[in-house]
Each structure stands twice: as C-alpha cells, then as structure tokens.
Amino acid sequence: MQMSAREEGQSALLGPSRRVLIIGTLISFLLMIIGLSYAVVVGTRDESVDIPGLLNSLLSLKPGGIVGLGIVVMLLTPVLNVLALGVIFARLRDRWFTLVALLVLVIMAANALLSGR
C-alpha cells in the first residue's frame, strides 16, 4: 500500500524524533544505572555534583559524576529533539515550523540561563 504525502511527511518527522528520544533516554538511563551500581560497589554515599564540578568528577571516575552525566543527557534529550525537528522542517522548507522550532530553542536556552541565577 502506498503512503500519502501527508503520511510520508509524518514519517519523516516521527522517525528521527522517536530515535532521538529513545537513544537519549537509554543513554541517560544506562549512565545513571552504571553510576549507581559503581557507587554501591565502591561504597560512596550522598555525593552530589554541580555542573562546574561535573567534568572533574567524571575525570576522577566518581560515581556522582557518572550519574550527573546521565542527568545532563536526560535534560538535553528534549533540546536535541527540538533541534532535530528544526533541521527536518528546514530541509522540508517549512518556514513556519522551522521558526517555531527555533523559538522553542530560544525559550529553552533562556530558561536554562535564567534558572541558573
């Protein structure tokens, strides 16, 4: 059975979007499980890591750094999804939805910048 133009367009959008969300969720879940398992093996407890200390914690192979990286990946997954959709809309030459995706990215960036204060 042949797909209509609308169904092909939806497939072009949903496929990459679905992949970004699934891969981002799986990577973040695996990082958190690895970090928590490592914490149990090493015996580390109550280690919190802030964003500036994340790189040092990762380079020191601390469990909190691994869990923190998993959380960062989880938080960035929706951003990457909107970015991927924006690229797809631009390739489809859909100016309106490309603009909407760009606006959503700007709002997400402003939210991230303002929440750090």
N, C-alpha and C. Protein backbone atom coordinates (compact mmCIF):
# COMPACT_ATOMS: atom_id res chain seq x y z
N MET A 1 0.84 -1.18 0.00
CA MET A 1 0.00 0.00 0.00
C MET A 1 0.89 1.24 0.00
N GLN A 2 0.54 2.22 -0.81
CA GLN A 2 1.32 3.43 -0.94
C GLN A 2 0.92 4.44 0.12
N MET A 3 1.93 5.19 0.61
CA MET A 3 1.68 6.21 1.62
C MET A 3 1.31 7.52 0.93
N SER A 4 0.43 8.27 1.55
CA SER A 4 0.09 9.59 1.02
C SER A 4 1.23 10.55 1.35
N ALA A 5 1.20 11.72 0.76
CA ALA A 5 2.24 12.73 1.00
C ALA A 5 2.25 13.14 2.47
N ARG A 6 1.07 13.23 3.05
CA ARG A 6 0.97 13.60 4.47
C ARG A 6 1.60 12.53 5.35
N GLU A 7 1.30 11.25 5.06
CA GLU A 7 1.87 10.15 5.84
C GLU A 7 3.39 10.10 5.68
N GLU A 8 3.88 10.37 4.48
CA GLU A 8 5.33 10.40 4.26
C GLU A 8 5.97 11.53 5.06
N GLY A 9 5.31 12.68 5.10
CA GLY A 9 5.81 13.81 5.88
C GLY A 9 5.84 13.51 7.36
N GLN A 10 4.78 12.87 7.85
CA GLN A 10 4.74 12.50 9.27
C GLN A 10 5.82 11.47 9.59
N SER A 11 6.04 10.54 8.70
CA SER A 11 7.07 9.53 8.90
C SER A 11 8.45 10.18 8.92
N ALA A 12 8.66 11.18 8.06
CA ALA A 12 9.94 11.88 8.03
C ALA A 12 10.19 12.63 9.33
N LEU A 13 9.13 13.07 10.00
CA LEU A 13 9.26 13.79 11.26
C LEU A 13 9.36 12.84 12.45
N LEU A 14 8.50 11.85 12.47
CA LEU A 14 8.42 10.99 13.64
C LEU A 14 9.60 10.04 13.78
N GLY A 15 10.15 9.58 12.67
CA GLY A 15 11.27 8.64 12.75
C GLY A 15 12.47 9.21 13.48
N PRO A 16 13.04 10.32 13.00
CA PRO A 16 14.19 10.90 13.69
C PRO A 16 13.86 11.37 15.11
N SER A 17 12.68 11.93 15.29
CA SER A 17 12.28 12.40 16.61
C SER A 17 12.21 11.24 17.59
N ARG A 18 11.61 10.17 17.17
CA ARG A 18 11.50 8.97 18.01
C ARG A 18 12.88 8.43 18.35
N ARG A 19 13.78 8.40 17.36
CA ARG A 19 15.14 7.89 17.60
C ARG A 19 15.88 8.75 18.60
N VAL A 20 15.79 10.07 18.46
CA VAL A 20 16.48 10.97 19.39
C VAL A 20 15.98 10.73 20.82
N LEU A 21 14.67 10.65 20.99
CA LEU A 21 14.11 10.46 22.32
C LEU A 21 14.48 9.11 22.91
N ILE A 22 14.40 8.05 22.12
CA ILE A 22 14.72 6.71 22.62
C ILE A 22 16.19 6.61 22.96
N ILE A 23 17.06 7.05 22.06
CA ILE A 23 18.50 6.93 22.30
C ILE A 23 18.92 7.79 23.49
N GLY A 24 18.42 9.02 23.58
CA GLY A 24 18.75 9.89 24.71
C GLY A 24 18.30 9.31 26.03
N THR A 25 17.09 8.76 26.06
CA THR A 25 16.57 8.15 27.28
C THR A 25 17.39 6.92 27.67
N LEU A 26 17.71 6.08 26.70
CA LEU A 26 18.50 4.88 27.01
C LEU A 26 19.90 5.22 27.51
N ILE A 27 20.56 6.18 26.86
CA ILE A 27 21.91 6.57 27.29
C ILE A 27 21.87 7.14 28.70
N SER A 28 20.91 8.01 28.98
CA SER A 28 20.83 8.60 30.33
C SER A 28 20.51 7.53 31.37
N PHE A 29 19.61 6.62 31.05
CA PHE A 29 19.26 5.54 31.97
C PHE A 29 20.48 4.65 32.25
N LEU A 30 21.21 4.29 31.20
CA LEU A 30 22.39 3.44 31.37
C LEU A 30 23.46 4.14 32.20
N LEU A 31 23.70 5.43 31.93
CA LEU A 31 24.69 6.16 32.72
C LEU A 31 24.31 6.21 34.20
N MET A 32 23.04 6.45 34.47
CA MET A 32 22.62 6.51 35.87
C MET A 32 22.71 5.15 36.55
N ILE A 33 22.34 4.09 35.85
CA ILE A 33 22.45 2.74 36.41
C ILE A 33 23.91 2.39 36.66
N ILE A 34 24.79 2.71 35.70
CA ILE A 34 26.22 2.44 35.87
C ILE A 34 26.77 3.23 37.07
N GLY A 35 26.42 4.50 37.15
CA GLY A 35 26.90 5.33 38.26
C GLY A 35 26.40 4.84 39.60
N LEU A 36 25.13 4.48 39.68
CA LEU A 36 24.57 3.99 40.95
C LEU A 36 25.17 2.63 41.32
N SER A 37 25.35 1.76 40.34
CA SER A 37 25.97 0.45 40.61
C SER A 37 27.41 0.63 41.09
N TYR A 38 28.12 1.53 40.43
CA TYR A 38 29.50 1.81 40.83
C TYR A 38 29.56 2.38 42.24
N ALA A 39 28.60 3.22 42.59
CA ALA A 39 28.53 3.78 43.95
C ALA A 39 28.32 2.68 44.98
N VAL A 40 27.49 1.70 44.65
CA VAL A 40 27.25 0.59 45.57
C VAL A 40 28.52 -0.24 45.74
N VAL A 41 29.22 -0.51 44.64
CA VAL A 41 30.44 -1.31 44.69
C VAL A 41 31.54 -0.58 45.48
N VAL A 42 31.70 0.71 45.20
CA VAL A 42 32.75 1.49 45.86
C VAL A 42 32.36 1.86 47.29
N GLY A 43 31.09 1.97 47.54
CA GLY A 43 30.61 2.32 48.87
C GLY A 43 30.46 3.81 49.09
N THR A 44 30.37 4.57 48.01
CA THR A 44 30.20 6.03 48.10
C THR A 44 28.73 6.34 48.34
N ARG A 45 28.48 7.32 49.22
CA ARG A 45 27.10 7.72 49.50
C ARG A 45 26.96 9.23 49.44
N ASP A 46 25.79 9.68 49.12
CA ASP A 46 25.41 11.10 49.20
C ASP A 46 26.40 12.03 48.52
N GLU A 47 26.81 11.70 47.34
CA GLU A 47 27.73 12.56 46.60
C GLU A 47 26.94 13.33 45.55
N SER A 48 26.84 14.63 45.74
CA SER A 48 26.16 15.44 44.73
C SER A 48 27.21 16.20 43.94
N VAL A 49 26.93 16.42 42.67
CA VAL A 49 27.87 17.08 41.78
C VAL A 49 27.15 18.24 41.10
N ASP A 50 27.77 19.41 41.14
CA ASP A 50 27.20 20.54 40.42
C ASP A 50 27.77 20.55 39.00
N ILE A 51 27.20 21.37 38.16
CA ILE A 51 27.60 21.39 36.75
C ILE A 51 29.08 21.76 36.58
N PRO A 52 29.59 22.80 37.26
CA PRO A 52 31.02 23.10 37.08
C PRO A 52 31.93 21.97 37.54
N GLY A 53 31.54 21.21 38.55
CA GLY A 53 32.37 20.12 39.06
C GLY A 53 32.16 18.80 38.35
N LEU A 54 31.25 18.78 37.37
CA LEU A 54 30.93 17.52 36.70
C LEU A 54 32.12 16.95 35.94
N LEU A 55 32.85 17.78 35.22
CA LEU A 55 33.99 17.30 34.45
C LEU A 55 35.07 16.72 35.36
N ASN A 56 35.39 17.41 36.45
CA ASN A 56 36.38 16.88 37.40
C ASN A 56 35.92 15.57 38.01
N SER A 57 34.65 15.48 38.33
CA SER A 57 34.10 14.27 38.91
C SER A 57 34.15 13.11 37.92
N LEU A 58 33.89 13.41 36.64
CA LEU A 58 33.96 12.38 35.61
C LEU A 58 35.40 11.92 35.38
N LEU A 59 36.34 12.89 35.33
CA LEU A 59 37.74 12.54 35.12
C LEU A 59 38.31 11.75 36.30
N SER A 60 37.75 11.97 37.50
CA SER A 60 38.17 11.21 38.68
C SER A 60 37.43 9.89 38.80
N LEU A 61 36.55 9.61 37.85
CA LEU A 61 35.72 8.40 37.85
C LEU A 61 34.91 8.23 39.14
N LYS A 62 34.34 9.34 39.59
CA LYS A 62 33.47 9.29 40.77
C LYS A 62 32.06 8.91 40.33
N PRO A 63 31.37 8.09 41.12
CA PRO A 63 30.01 7.67 40.74
C PRO A 63 29.05 8.83 40.54
N GLY A 64 29.18 9.87 41.37
CA GLY A 64 28.29 11.02 41.23
C GLY A 64 28.45 11.72 39.90
N GLY A 65 29.65 11.70 39.35
CA GLY A 65 29.89 12.30 38.05
C GLY A 65 29.20 11.53 36.94
N ILE A 66 29.22 10.21 37.06
CA ILE A 66 28.56 9.36 36.05
C ILE A 66 27.05 9.56 36.10
N VAL A 67 26.51 9.58 37.32
CA VAL A 67 25.07 9.82 37.47
C VAL A 67 24.72 11.23 36.98
N GLY A 68 25.57 12.21 37.31
CA GLY A 68 25.35 13.58 36.87
C GLY A 68 25.34 13.70 35.36
N LEU A 69 26.25 12.97 34.71
CA LEU A 69 26.27 12.98 33.24
C LEU A 69 24.97 12.39 32.69
N GLY A 70 24.48 11.34 33.33
CA GLY A 70 23.20 10.75 32.91
C GLY A 70 22.06 11.75 33.02
N ILE A 71 22.08 12.55 34.08
CA ILE A 71 21.03 13.56 34.26
C ILE A 71 21.16 14.66 33.21
N VAL A 72 22.40 15.07 32.91
CA VAL A 72 22.61 16.09 31.88
C VAL A 72 22.12 15.57 30.52
N VAL A 73 22.43 14.31 30.20
CA VAL A 73 21.96 13.74 28.93
C VAL A 73 20.43 13.71 28.90
N MET A 74 19.82 13.38 30.04
CA MET A 74 18.35 13.35 30.10
C MET A 74 17.77 14.74 29.87
N LEU A 75 18.41 15.77 30.44
CA LEU A 75 17.92 17.13 30.27
C LEU A 75 18.14 17.65 28.85
N LEU A 76 19.20 17.20 28.19
CA LEU A 76 19.49 17.67 26.83
C LEU A 76 18.71 16.93 25.75
N THR A 77 18.13 15.79 26.08
CA THR A 77 17.41 14.99 25.09
C THR A 77 16.26 15.77 24.43
N PRO A 78 15.39 16.45 25.18
CA PRO A 78 14.33 17.22 24.51
C PRO A 78 14.88 18.37 23.66
N VAL A 79 15.99 18.97 24.10
CA VAL A 79 16.60 20.04 23.33
C VAL A 79 17.08 19.50 21.98
N LEU A 80 17.75 18.35 22.02
CA LEU A 80 18.22 17.73 20.77
C LEU A 80 17.05 17.32 19.88
N ASN A 81 15.96 16.92 20.50
CA ASN A 81 14.77 16.55 19.73
C ASN A 81 14.21 17.77 18.98
N VAL A 82 14.09 18.90 19.67
CA VAL A 82 13.59 20.12 19.01
C VAL A 82 14.57 20.56 17.93
N LEU A 83 15.87 20.44 18.21
CA LEU A 83 16.87 20.80 17.20
C LEU A 83 16.75 19.91 15.96
N ALA A 84 16.58 18.60 16.17
CA ALA A 84 16.42 17.68 15.05
C ALA A 84 15.17 18.00 14.25
N LEU A 85 14.08 18.30 14.94
CA LEU A 85 12.85 18.66 14.23
C LEU A 85 13.02 19.96 13.45
N GLY A 86 13.74 20.92 14.02
CA GLY A 86 14.00 22.16 13.32
C GLY A 86 14.78 21.94 12.03
N VAL A 87 15.77 21.06 12.09
CA VAL A 87 16.56 20.74 10.89
C VAL A 87 15.67 20.07 9.85
N ILE A 88 14.82 19.15 10.30
CA ILE A 88 13.92 18.45 9.37
C ILE A 88 12.96 19.44 8.72
N PHE A 89 12.39 20.35 9.53
CA PHE A 89 11.47 21.35 8.97
C PHE A 89 12.20 22.24 7.97
N ALA A 90 13.44 22.59 8.27
CA ALA A 90 14.21 23.44 7.34
C ALA A 90 14.46 22.69 6.03
N ARG A 91 14.78 21.39 6.12
CA ARG A 91 15.00 20.61 4.90
C ARG A 91 13.72 20.46 4.08
N LEU A 92 12.59 20.41 4.78
CA LEU A 92 11.30 20.32 4.09
C LEU A 92 10.84 21.69 3.60
N ARG A 93 11.63 22.72 3.89
CA ARG A 93 11.34 24.10 3.51
C ARG A 93 10.03 24.61 4.11
N ASP A 94 9.76 24.14 5.32
CA ASP A 94 8.58 24.61 6.05
C ASP A 94 9.04 25.73 6.98
N ARG A 95 8.95 26.94 6.50
CA ARG A 95 9.48 28.09 7.24
C ARG A 95 8.77 28.31 8.55
N TRP A 96 7.46 28.14 8.57
CA TRP A 96 6.69 28.39 9.78
C TRP A 96 7.15 27.47 10.92
N PHE A 97 7.19 26.16 10.69
CA PHE A 97 7.57 25.24 11.75
C PHE A 97 9.07 25.31 12.07
N THR A 98 9.89 25.70 11.10
CA THR A 98 11.30 25.94 11.39
C THR A 98 11.43 27.10 12.37
N LEU A 99 10.66 28.16 12.14
CA LEU A 99 10.66 29.31 13.04
C LEU A 99 10.14 28.93 14.42
N VAL A 100 9.09 28.12 14.47
CA VAL A 100 8.55 27.68 15.76
C VAL A 100 9.60 26.86 16.51
N ALA A 101 10.28 25.95 15.83
CA ALA A 101 11.32 25.14 16.48
C ALA A 101 12.44 26.04 17.00
N LEU A 102 12.82 27.04 16.22
CA LEU A 102 13.86 27.98 16.65
C LEU A 102 13.40 28.76 17.87
N LEU A 103 12.15 29.19 17.87
CA LEU A 103 11.59 29.91 19.02
C LEU A 103 11.59 29.04 20.27
N VAL A 104 11.22 27.79 20.13
CA VAL A 104 11.23 26.86 21.27
C VAL A 104 12.65 26.69 21.80
N LEU A 105 13.64 26.60 20.91
CA LEU A 105 15.04 26.50 21.34
C LEU A 105 15.48 27.75 22.09
N VAL A 106 15.06 28.92 21.62
CA VAL A 106 15.40 30.17 22.31
C VAL A 106 14.77 30.20 23.69
N ILE A 107 13.52 29.78 23.79
CA ILE A 107 12.84 29.75 25.09
C ILE A 107 13.55 28.77 26.03
N MET A 108 13.95 27.60 25.53
CA MET A 108 14.67 26.62 26.36
C MET A 108 16.00 27.19 26.83
N ALA A 109 16.72 27.88 25.94
CA ALA A 109 18.00 28.46 26.31
C ALA A 109 17.83 29.56 27.35
N ALA A 110 16.83 30.41 27.15
CA ALA A 110 16.57 31.48 28.12
C ALA A 110 16.20 30.89 29.48
N ASN A 111 15.41 29.83 29.47
CA ASN A 111 15.03 29.18 30.71
C ASN A 111 16.25 28.63 31.43
N ALA A 112 17.15 27.98 30.67
CA ALA A 112 18.35 27.41 31.27
C ALA A 112 19.25 28.52 31.85
N LEU A 113 19.39 29.62 31.12
CA LEU A 113 20.24 30.72 31.58
C LEU A 113 19.65 31.41 32.80
N LEU A 114 18.35 31.64 32.79
CA LEU A 114 17.71 32.35 33.90
C LEU A 114 17.55 31.49 35.14
N SER A 115 17.45 30.19 34.97
CA SER A 115 17.27 29.31 36.14
C SER A 115 18.57 29.14 36.91
N GLY A 116 19.70 29.47 36.30
CA GLY A 116 20.99 29.34 36.98
C GLY A 116 21.28 30.48 37.94
N ARG A 117 20.43 31.46 38.00
CA ARG A 117 20.66 32.62 38.88
C ARG A 117 20.16 32.38 40.26
